[in-house]
Amino acid sequence: MLKQRVVYGIDPTDTIQENAEVIIPARVADLLVWEKFITNPANVPELHQMRIAAKRLRYTMELFAPFYGQSFKDAIEKVKNVQEAVGDIHDADVLAPEMQRHLRSSLRISQKDILRKGVYAGDYDAAMGLLILCRKKRDERKSKYRQFLAYWKSLRVEGFFESIRDIMKEQKAEEGKGGKHNERNRASRSSGAGDSVGRGGFTGEDSQSRSDKAANA
């Protein structure tokens, strides 16, 4: 497994969204590095690294999900689909060789067993079953691989990976508008509070006098 790339430009004094705008595009870039290898189904190690990169991108986005809206969560789901699609391919690449190892073991017959057991020396039924499973897993991988390529192509056509940054910026813009509105509300409330003070608030009547009135009531 390749070591996760360090992301530079993170500032602890920035907002969470500002740091997300640095970290998430870096994780997207880490994933797209492996795109050039997907046209060849025999690029097993590279497809495995692509799965890891997709997983890191997904988990990073999930970390920031509470600070974004539904569009961002929908984007996470698509990244998850990529991770699982490449993961299914990787599962086949791991399982089939393991079954092949057991297949070889079932047909490994010593000269002594040949002389003693003859036709019963090898477990041919187990070997045949394993061979069928290997072929089935190979065919499943081919199907999963075609599905993955089709899904990846659809993401690229729609400009999905580029849109992640746009989704984050739109959310930030909406929050900026909301922030201005909240500032106006706070200013209005502060103004009202000042009027109440002027009309007999803390400046005209201290807490002790109010306590005395409450006691005499």
Protein backbone atom coordinates (compact mmCIF):
# COMPACT_ATOMS: atom_id res chain seq x y z
CA MET A 1 0.00 0.00 0.00
CA LEU A 2 1.31 3.43 -0.91
CA LYS A 3 1.77 5.87 1.92
CA GLN A 4 -0.92 8.50 2.08
CA ARG A 5 0.26 11.79 0.59
CA VAL A 6 0.66 14.68 3.00
CA VAL A 7 -1.65 17.59 2.23
CA TYR A 8 -0.02 21.00 2.57
CA GLY A 9 -1.76 24.33 2.99
CA ILE A 10 -3.92 23.43 5.99
CA ASP A 11 -4.25 26.32 8.43
CA PRO A 12 -5.68 25.69 11.92
CA THR A 13 -6.81 29.32 12.05
CA ASP A 14 -8.99 28.85 8.95
CA THR A 15 -12.58 27.62 9.06
CA ILE A 16 -13.41 23.94 8.64
CA GLN A 17 -14.80 24.60 5.18
CA GLU A 18 -11.68 26.49 4.11
CA ASN A 19 -9.49 23.57 5.13
CA ALA A 20 -11.89 21.13 3.46
CA GLU A 21 -11.37 23.07 0.22
CA VAL A 22 -7.67 22.20 0.50
CA ILE A 23 -7.89 18.59 1.69
CA ILE A 24 -10.70 17.16 -0.45
CA PRO A 25 -9.35 18.31 -3.85
CA ALA A 26 -6.01 16.77 -2.88
CA ARG A 27 -7.73 13.44 -2.19
CA VAL A 28 -9.59 13.71 -5.51
CA ALA A 29 -6.24 14.22 -7.26
CA ASP A 30 -4.84 11.15 -5.47
CA LEU A 31 -7.68 9.08 -6.93
CA LEU A 32 -7.42 10.44 -10.47
CA VAL A 33 -3.71 9.58 -10.60
CA TRP A 34 -4.77 5.93 -11.15
CA GLU A 35 -7.28 6.66 -13.88
CA LYS A 36 -4.78 6.01 -16.67
CA PHE A 37 -4.48 2.37 -15.57
CA ILE A 38 -8.16 1.41 -15.71
CA THR A 39 -8.23 0.65 -19.45
CA ASN A 40 -6.21 -2.52 -18.89
CA PRO A 41 -7.94 -5.12 -16.68
CA ALA A 42 -4.56 -6.76 -16.01
CA ASN A 43 -3.36 -3.74 -14.01
CA VAL A 44 -4.16 -5.51 -10.76
CA PRO A 45 -1.83 -3.58 -8.38
CA GLU A 46 -2.88 -0.23 -9.82
CA LEU A 47 -6.58 -1.01 -9.51
CA HIS A 48 -5.95 -1.98 -5.90
CA GLN A 49 -4.28 1.38 -5.26
CA MET A 50 -7.25 3.09 -6.90
CA ARG A 51 -9.55 1.35 -4.43
CA ILE A 52 -7.45 2.64 -1.54
CA ALA A 53 -7.48 6.18 -2.95
CA ALA A 54 -11.28 6.04 -3.35
CA LYS A 55 -11.63 4.85 0.23
CA ARG A 56 -9.48 7.71 1.53
CA LEU A 57 -11.49 10.24 -0.47
CA ARG A 58 -14.77 8.82 0.81
CA TYR A 59 -13.70 8.82 4.46
CA THR A 60 -12.32 12.35 4.16
CA MET A 61 -15.59 13.59 2.68
CA GLU A 62 -17.58 11.80 5.38
CA LEU A 63 -15.51 13.63 7.98
CA PHE A 64 -16.63 16.98 6.58
CA ALA A 65 -20.18 15.90 5.67
CA PRO A 66 -21.85 17.49 8.75
CA PHE A 67 -20.74 20.91 7.47
CA TYR A 68 -22.30 20.53 4.01
CA GLY A 69 -25.70 19.86 2.50
CA GLN A 70 -27.43 17.03 0.66
CA SER A 71 -25.56 17.57 -2.62
CA PHE A 72 -22.30 16.86 -0.81
CA LYS A 73 -23.76 13.70 0.74
CA ASP A 74 -24.92 12.57 -2.71
CA ALA A 75 -21.35 13.05 -3.94
CA ILE A 76 -20.07 10.85 -1.12
CA GLU A 77 -22.44 8.11 -2.27
CA LYS A 78 -20.95 8.19 -5.76
CA VAL A 79 -17.42 7.97 -4.38
CA LYS A 80 -18.58 5.03 -2.29
CA ASN A 81 -19.89 3.35 -5.46
CA VAL A 82 -16.45 3.73 -7.05
CA GLN A 83 -14.75 2.28 -3.99
CA GLU A 84 -17.08 -0.71 -3.87
CA ALA A 85 -16.85 -1.35 -7.62
CA VAL A 86 -13.05 -1.48 -7.57
CA GLY A 87 -13.28 -3.39 -4.31
CA ASP A 88 -15.30 -6.15 -5.98
CA ILE A 89 -12.59 -6.43 -8.63
CA HIS A 90 -9.90 -6.61 -5.96
CA ASP A 91 -11.82 -9.31 -4.06
CA ALA A 92 -11.76 -11.51 -7.15
CA ASP A 93 -8.05 -10.81 -7.67
CA VAL A 94 -7.39 -12.02 -4.12
CA LEU A 95 -9.77 -14.97 -3.99
CA ALA A 96 -9.03 -16.61 -7.35
CA PRO A 97 -5.26 -17.06 -6.73
CA GLU A 98 -6.03 -18.46 -3.28
CA MET A 99 -8.34 -21.05 -4.84
CA GLN A 100 -5.65 -21.83 -7.42
CA ARG A 101 -3.24 -22.53 -4.58
CA HIS A 102 -5.66 -25.07 -3.11
CA LEU A 103 -6.21 -26.51 -6.59
CA ARG A 104 -2.50 -27.16 -7.01
CA SER A 105 -2.38 -28.68 -3.55
CA SER A 106 -5.23 -31.09 -4.35
CA LEU A 107 -3.34 -32.34 -7.42
CA ARG A 108 0.07 -32.56 -5.79
CA ILE A 109 0.67 -36.32 -5.56
CA SER A 110 3.79 -37.99 -4.29
CA GLN A 111 5.36 -40.94 -6.06
CA LYS A 112 4.64 -43.01 -2.98
CA ASP A 113 0.90 -42.20 -3.13
CA ILE A 114 0.81 -42.97 -6.84
CA LEU A 115 2.21 -46.43 -6.18
CA ARG A 116 -0.05 -47.05 -3.19
CA LYS A 117 -3.33 -45.42 -4.22
CA GLY A 118 -3.28 -45.42 -7.99
CA VAL A 119 -6.35 -43.69 -9.40
CA TYR A 120 -7.37 -42.58 -5.90
CA ALA A 121 -4.15 -40.73 -5.25
CA GLY A 122 -5.55 -37.29 -6.14
CA ASP A 123 -8.72 -35.51 -4.99
CA TYR A 124 -10.01 -34.91 -8.51
CA ASP A 125 -13.52 -33.94 -7.40
CA ALA A 126 -12.17 -31.19 -5.17
CA ALA A 127 -9.87 -30.07 -7.96
CA MET A 128 -12.75 -29.90 -10.42
CA GLY A 129 -14.89 -27.94 -7.95
CA LEU A 130 -12.09 -25.46 -7.36
CA LEU A 131 -11.49 -25.10 -11.07
CA ILE A 132 -15.16 -24.32 -11.66
CA LEU A 133 -15.08 -21.72 -8.87
CA CYS A 134 -11.94 -20.12 -10.33
CA ARG A 135 -13.58 -19.81 -13.73
CA LYS A 136 -16.76 -18.42 -12.16
CA LYS A 137 -14.81 -15.83 -10.19
CA ARG A 138 -12.88 -14.85 -13.34
CA ASP A 139 -16.13 -14.32 -15.26
CA GLU A 140 -17.61 -12.34 -12.37
CA ARG A 141 -14.56 -10.10 -12.37
CA LYS A 142 -14.93 -9.45 -16.08
CA SER A 143 -18.55 -8.43 -15.54
CA LYS A 144 -17.70 -6.23 -12.54
CA TYR A 145 -14.88 -4.63 -14.47
CA ARG A 146 -17.17 -3.70 -17.37
CA GLN A 147 -19.69 -2.24 -14.94
CA PHE A 148 -16.97 -0.23 -13.23
CA LEU A 149 -15.68 1.19 -16.52
CA ALA A 150 -19.20 2.20 -17.55
CA TYR A 151 -19.85 3.89 -14.21
CA TRP A 152 -16.50 5.67 -14.21
CA LYS A 153 -17.14 6.93 -17.74
CA SER A 154 -20.53 8.30 -16.70
CA LEU A 155 -18.91 10.17 -13.79
CA ARG A 156 -16.33 11.72 -16.08
CA VAL A 157 -18.92 12.71 -18.68
CA GLU A 158 -20.98 14.55 -16.06
CA GLY A 159 -17.86 16.22 -14.66
CA PHE A 160 -18.46 14.70 -11.26
CA PHE A 161 -15.02 15.10 -9.73
CA GLU A 162 -14.82 18.72 -10.83
CA SER A 163 -18.28 19.33 -9.39
CA ILE A 164 -17.19 18.37 -5.87
CA ARG A 165 -15.28 21.62 -5.55
CA ASP A 166 -18.26 23.54 -6.99
CA ILE A 167 -20.63 21.94 -4.45
CA MET A 168 -18.35 23.06 -1.63
CA LYS A 169 -18.12 26.61 -2.98
CA GLU A 170 -21.91 26.86 -3.42
CA GLN A 171 -22.41 25.76 0.17
CA LYS A 172 -19.89 28.35 1.34
CA ALA A 173 -21.64 31.07 -0.68
CA GLU A 174 -25.02 30.17 0.80
CA GLU A 175 -23.58 30.23 4.31
CA GLY A 176 -22.04 33.61 3.54
CA LYS A 177 -25.46 35.01 2.66
CA GLY A 178 -26.93 33.47 5.78
CA GLY A 179 -24.10 34.93 7.83
CA LYS A 180 -24.89 38.45 6.63
CA HIS A 181 -28.55 37.93 7.45
CA ASN A 182 -27.66 36.67 10.93
CA GLU A 183 -25.38 39.66 11.48
CA ARG A 184 -28.25 42.00 10.66
CA ASN A 185 -30.50 40.11 13.09
CA ARG A 186 -27.87 40.29 15.81
CA ALA A 187 -27.43 44.01 15.18
CA SER A 188 -31.18 44.50 15.38
CA ARG A 189 -31.41 42.56 18.63
CA SER A 190 -28.49 44.50 20.05
CA SER A 191 -30.21 47.75 19.16
CA GLY A 192 -33.39 46.56 20.87
CA ALA A 193 -31.42 45.56 23.93
CA GLY A 194 -29.89 49.01 24.10
CA ASP A 195 -33.35 50.61 23.98
CA SER A 196 -34.58 48.42 26.82
CA VAL A 197 -31.61 49.41 28.91
CA GLY A 198 -32.31 53.05 28.23
CA ARG A 199 -35.95 52.54 29.26
CA GLY A 200 -35.12 51.28 32.72
CA GLY A 201 -32.74 48.45 32.13
CA PHE A 202 -29.59 47.78 34.06
CA THR A 203 -28.53 51.43 33.91
CA GLY A 204 -31.71 52.74 35.54
CA GLU A 205 -32.41 49.87 37.91
CA ASP A 206 -29.78 47.61 39.41
CA SER A 207 -30.23 43.97 40.26
CA GLN A 208 -30.43 44.66 44.00
CA SER A 209 -33.45 46.99 43.67
CA ARG A 210 -35.24 44.42 41.55
CA SER A 211 -34.54 41.76 44.18
CA ASP A 212 -35.99 44.06 46.87
CA LYS A 213 -39.16 44.58 44.87
CA ALA A 214 -39.51 40.85 44.37
CA ALA A 215 -39.08 40.28 48.12
CA ASN A 216 -41.71 42.93 49.02
CA ALA A 217 -44.24 41.68 46.47
